[in-house]
PDB file of N, CA and C in Angstrom:
ATOM      1  N   UNK A   1      46.355  61.304   2.004  1.00  0.00           N
ATOM      2  CA  UNK A   1      46.393  60.852   3.367  1.00  0.00           C
ATOM      3  C   UNK A   1      47.847  60.655   3.797  1.00  0.00           C
ATOM      4  N   UNK A   2      48.190  61.291   4.899  1.00  0.00           N
ATOM      5  CA  UNK A   2      49.535  61.247   5.441  1.00  0.00           C
ATOM      6  C   UNK A   2      49.536  60.139   6.567  1.00  0.00           C
ATOM      7  N   UNK A   3      50.632  59.350   6.523  1.00  0.00           N
ATOM      8  CA  UNK A   3      50.830  58.287   7.530  1.00  0.00           C
ATOM      9  C   UNK A   3      51.455  58.943   8.769  1.00  0.00           C
ATOM     10  N   UNK A   4      51.161  58.401   9.950  1.00  0.00           N
ATOM     11  CA  UNK A   4      51.845  58.943  11.162  1.00  0.00           C
ATOM     12  C   UNK A   4      53.245  58.628  11.251  1.00  0.00           C
ATOM     13  N   UNK A   5      54.021  59.461  11.825  1.00  0.00           N
ATOM     14  CA  UNK A   5      55.461  59.196  12.003  1.00  0.00           C
ATOM     15  C   UNK A   5      55.632  58.233  13.220  1.00  0.00           C
ATOM     16  N   UNK A   6      56.367  57.194  13.018  1.00  0.00           N
ATOM     17  CA  UNK A   6      56.595  56.199  14.060  1.00  0.00           C
ATOM     18  C   UNK A   6      58.063  56.211  14.377  1.00  0.00           C
ATOM     19  N   UNK A   7      58.364  56.518  15.636  1.00  0.00           N
ATOM     20  CA  UNK A   7      59.723  56.545  16.125  1.00  0.00           C
ATOM     21  C   UNK A   7      60.137  55.155  16.497  1.00  0.00           C
ATOM     22  N   UNK A   8      60.925  54.495  15.649  1.00  0.00           N
ATOM     23  CA  UNK A   8      61.273  53.039  15.891  1.00  0.00           C
ATOM     24  C   UNK A   8      62.147  52.924  17.124  1.00  0.00           C
ATOM     25  N   UNK A   9      62.991  53.844  17.466  1.00  0.00           N
ATOM     26  CA  UNK A   9      63.781  53.702  18.676  1.00  0.00           C
ATOM     27  C   UNK A   9      62.926  53.750  19.917  1.00  0.00           C
ATOM     28  N   UNK A  10      61.935  54.671  19.899  1.00  0.00           N
ATOM     29  CA  UNK A  10      60.958  54.703  21.024  1.00  0.00           C
ATOM     30  C   UNK A  10      60.116  53.472  21.087  1.00  0.00           C
ATOM     31  N   UNK A  11      59.727  52.917  19.975  1.00  0.00           N
ATOM     32  CA  UNK A  11      58.920  51.719  19.954  1.00  0.00           C
ATOM     33  C   UNK A  11      59.757  50.554  20.526  1.00  0.00           C
ATOM     34  N   UNK A  12      61.016  50.447  20.128  1.00  0.00           N
ATOM     35  CA  UNK A  12      61.879  49.430  20.705  1.00  0.00           C
ATOM     36  C   UNK A  12      62.055  49.586  22.166  1.00  0.00           C
ATOM     37  N   UNK A  13      62.254  50.812  22.677  1.00  0.00           N
ATOM     38  CA  UNK A  13      62.416  50.974  24.085  1.00  0.00           C
ATOM     39  C   UNK A  13      61.175  50.628  24.867  1.00  0.00           C
ATOM     40  N   UNK A  14      59.951  50.948  24.325  1.00  0.00           N
ATOM     41  CA  UNK A  14      58.758  50.597  24.974  1.00  0.00           C
ATOM     42  C   UNK A  14      58.551  49.024  25.013  1.00  0.00           C
ATOM     43  N   UNK A  15      58.895  48.422  23.976  1.00  0.00           N
ATOM     44  CA  UNK A  15      58.830  47.017  23.881  1.00  0.00           C
ATOM     45  C   UNK A  15      59.731  46.333  24.933  1.00  0.00           C
ATOM     46  N   UNK A  16      60.945  46.802  25.036  1.00  0.00           N
ATOM     47  CA  UNK A  16      61.893  46.267  26.028  1.00  0.00           C
ATOM     48  C   UNK A  16      61.376  46.474  27.492  1.00  0.00           C
ATOM     49  N   UNK A  17      60.851  47.717  27.683  1.00  0.00           N
ATOM     50  CA  UNK A  17      60.301  48.048  28.992  1.00  0.00           C
ATOM     51  C   UNK A  17      59.134  47.111  29.333  1.00  0.00           C
ATOM     52  N   UNK A  18      58.249  46.887  28.403  1.00  0.00           N
ATOM     53  CA  UNK A  18      57.111  46.043  28.575  1.00  0.00           C
ATOM     54  C   UNK A  18      57.561  44.623  28.906  1.00  0.00           C
ATOM     55  N   UNK A  19      58.578  44.130  28.209  1.00  0.00           N
ATOM     56  CA  UNK A  19      59.082  42.810  28.405  1.00  0.00           C
ATOM     57  C   UNK A  19      59.637  42.641  29.826  1.00  0.00           C
ATOM     58  N   UNK A  20      60.337  43.644  30.259  1.00  0.00           N
ATOM     59  CA  UNK A  20      60.960  43.583  31.637  1.00  0.00           C
ATOM     60  C   UNK A  20      59.865  43.698  32.686  1.00  0.00           C
ATOM     61  N   UNK A  21      58.823  44.452  32.465  1.00  0.00           N
ATOM     62  CA  UNK A  21      57.707  44.480  33.354  1.00  0.00           C
ATOM     63  C   UNK A  21      56.959  43.137  33.436  1.00  0.00           C
ATOM     64  N   UNK A  22      56.812  42.475  32.351  1.00  0.00           N
ATOM     65  CA  UNK A  22      56.172  41.186  32.362  1.00  0.00           C
ATOM     66  C   UNK A  22      56.978  40.151  33.126  1.00  0.00           C
ATOM     67  N   UNK A  23      58.307  40.161  32.872  1.00  0.00           N
ATOM     68  CA  UNK A  23      59.162  39.261  33.600  1.00  0.00           C
ATOM     69  C   UNK A  23      59.159  39.505  35.130  1.00  0.00           C
ATOM     70  N   UNK A  24      59.106  40.755  35.488  1.00  0.00           N
ATOM     71  CA  UNK A  24      59.024  41.148  36.896  1.00  0.00           C
ATOM     72  C   UNK A  24      57.728  40.609  37.496  1.00  0.00           C
ATOM     73  N   UNK A  25      56.623  40.796  36.809  1.00  0.00           N
ATOM     74  CA  UNK A  25      55.348  40.275  37.293  1.00  0.00           C
ATOM     75  C   UNK A  25      55.343  38.759  37.393  1.00  0.00           C
ATOM     76  N   UNK A  26      55.932  38.086  36.442  1.00  0.00           N
ATOM     77  CA  UNK A  26      56.003  36.599  36.402  1.00  0.00           C
ATOM     78  C   UNK A  26      56.768  36.171  37.650  1.00  0.00           C
ATOM     79  N   UNK A  27      57.845  36.832  37.876  1.00  0.00           N
ATOM     80  CA  UNK A  27      58.678  36.537  39.066  1.00  0.00           C
ATOM     81  C   UNK A  27      57.926  36.757  40.364  1.00  0.00           C
ATOM     82  N   UNK A  28      57.240  37.897  40.455  1.00  0.00           N
ATOM     83  CA  UNK A  28      56.479  38.208  41.673  1.00  0.00           C
ATOM     84  C   UNK A  28      55.379  37.164  41.862  1.00  0.00           C
ATOM     85  N   UNK A  29      54.689  36.786  40.745  1.00  0.00           N
ATOM     86  CA  UNK A  29      53.527  35.878  40.863  1.00  0.00           C
ATOM     87  C   UNK A  29      54.030  34.429  41.244  1.00  0.00           C
ATOM     88  N   UNK A  30      55.124  34.014  40.711  1.00  0.00           N
ATOM     89  CA  UNK A  30      55.643  32.689  41.062  1.00  0.00           C
ATOM     90  C   UNK A  30      56.050  32.641  42.555  1.00  0.00           C
ATOM     91  N   UNK A  31      56.642  33.682  43.021  1.00  0.00           N
ATOM     92  CA  UNK A  31      56.972  33.774  44.446  1.00  0.00           C
ATOM     93  C   UNK A  31      55.755  33.718  45.323  1.00  0.00           C
ATOM     94  N   UNK A  32      54.720  34.474  44.893  1.00  0.00           N
ATOM     95  CA  UNK A  32      53.461  34.434  45.622  1.00  0.00           C
ATOM     96  C   UNK A  32      52.838  33.043  45.678  1.00  0.00           C
ATOM     97  N   UNK A  33      52.862  32.407  44.548  1.00  0.00           N
ATOM     98  CA  UNK A  33      52.373  30.981  44.442  1.00  0.00           C
ATOM     99  C   UNK A  33      53.064  30.063  45.381  1.00  0.00           C
ATOM    100  N   UNK A  34      54.428  30.247  45.452  1.00  0.00           N
ATOM    101  CA  UNK A  34      55.224  29.335  46.348  1.00  0.00           C
ATOM    102  C   UNK A  34      54.892  29.594  47.824  1.00  0.00           C
ATOM    103  N   UNK A  35      54.598  30.895  48.120  1.00  0.00           N
ATOM    104  CA  UNK A  35      54.351  31.214  49.567  1.00  0.00           C
ATOM    105  C   UNK A  35      52.906  30.897  49.992  1.00  0.00           C
ATOM    106  N   UNK A  36      51.958  30.879  48.999  1.00  0.00           N
ATOM    107  CA  UNK A  36      50.562  30.745  49.323  1.00  0.00           C
ATOM    108  C   UNK A  36      50.157  29.279  49.410  1.00  0.00           C
ATOM    109  N   UNK A  37      49.129  29.048  50.175  1.00  0.00           N
ATOM    110  CA  UNK A  37      48.565  27.730  50.306  1.00  0.00           C
ATOM    111  C   UNK A  37      47.816  27.431  49.023  1.00  0.00           C
ATOM    112  N   UNK A  38      47.653  26.116  48.719  1.00  0.00           N
ATOM    113  CA  UNK A  38      46.882  25.693  47.512  1.00  0.00           C
ATOM    114  C   UNK A  38      45.400  26.249  47.577  1.00  0.00           C
ATOM    115  N   UNK A  39      44.907  26.219  48.754  1.00  0.00           N
ATOM    116  CA  UNK A  39      43.484  26.685  48.874  1.00  0.00           C
ATOM    117  C   UNK A  39      43.360  28.196  48.479  1.00  0.00           C
ATOM    118  N   UNK A  40      44.337  28.939  48.958  1.00  0.00           N
ATOM    119  CA  UNK A  40      44.304  30.434  48.699  1.00  0.00           C
ATOM    120  C   UNK A  40      44.367  30.659  47.144  1.00  0.00           C
ATOM    121  N   UNK A  41      45.453  30.142  46.518  1.00  0.00           N
ATOM    122  CA  UNK A  41      45.592  30.507  45.104  1.00  0.00           C
ATOM    123  C   UNK A  41      44.568  29.801  44.252  1.00  0.00           C
ATOM    124  N   UNK A  42      44.108  28.622  44.587  1.00  0.00           N
ATOM    125  CA  UNK A  42      43.132  27.990  43.795  1.00  0.00           C
ATOM    126  C   UNK A  42      41.770  28.705  43.870  1.00  0.00           C
ATOM    127  N   UNK A  43      41.369  29.236  45.032  1.00  0.00           N
ATOM    128  CA  UNK A  43      40.182  30.031  45.120  1.00  0.00           C
ATOM    129  C   UNK A  43      40.265  31.331  44.243  1.00  0.00           C
ATOM    130  N   UNK A  44      41.419  31.885  44.190  1.00  0.00           N
ATOM    131  CA  UNK A  44      41.559  33.091  43.351  1.00  0.00           C
ATOM    132  C   UNK A  44      41.531  32.734  41.832  1.00  0.00           C
ATOM    133  N   UNK A  45      42.103  31.639  41.524  1.00  0.00           N
ATOM    134  CA  UNK A  45      41.980  31.147  40.139  1.00  0.00           C
ATOM    135  C   UNK A  45      40.516  30.817  39.753  1.00  0.00           C
ATOM    136  N   UNK A  46      39.830  30.254  40.641  1.00  0.00           N
ATOM    137  CA  UNK A  46      38.395  29.986  40.464  1.00  0.00           C
ATOM    138  C   UNK A  46      37.660  31.256  40.182  1.00  0.00           C
ATOM    139  N   UNK A  47      37.911  32.314  40.893  1.00  0.00           N
ATOM    140  CA  UNK A  47      37.265  33.584  40.643  1.00  0.00           C
ATOM    141  C   UNK A  47      37.539  34.127  39.220  1.00  0.00           C
ATOM    142  N   UNK A  48      38.720  33.954  38.772  1.00  0.00           N
ATOM    143  CA  UNK A  48      39.067  34.408  37.401  1.00  0.00           C
ATOM    144  C   UNK A  48      38.342  33.508  36.325  1.00  0.00           C
ATOM    145  N   UNK A  49      38.323  32.278  36.550  1.00  0.00           N
ATOM    146  CA  UNK A  49      37.688  31.351  35.555  1.00  0.00           C
ATOM    147  C   UNK A  49      36.237  31.499  35.505  1.00  0.00           C
ATOM    148  N   UNK A  50      35.591  31.629  36.657  1.00  0.00           N
ATOM    149  CA  UNK A  50      34.109  31.776  36.726  1.00  0.00           C
ATOM    150  C   UNK A  50      33.783  33.175  36.543  1.00  0.00           C
TER     151      UNK A  50
END
């Protein structure tokens, strides 16, 4: 059985890209929370939880 070749440089690049995307989303979401009323974001959270 032959193991697949894993390109560690590519894996590292994808990991960094993923991290940047998550930070960008967190930044976007916190800005949205600050701009939105409590009623708006709490109703959306309720949809996720239920």
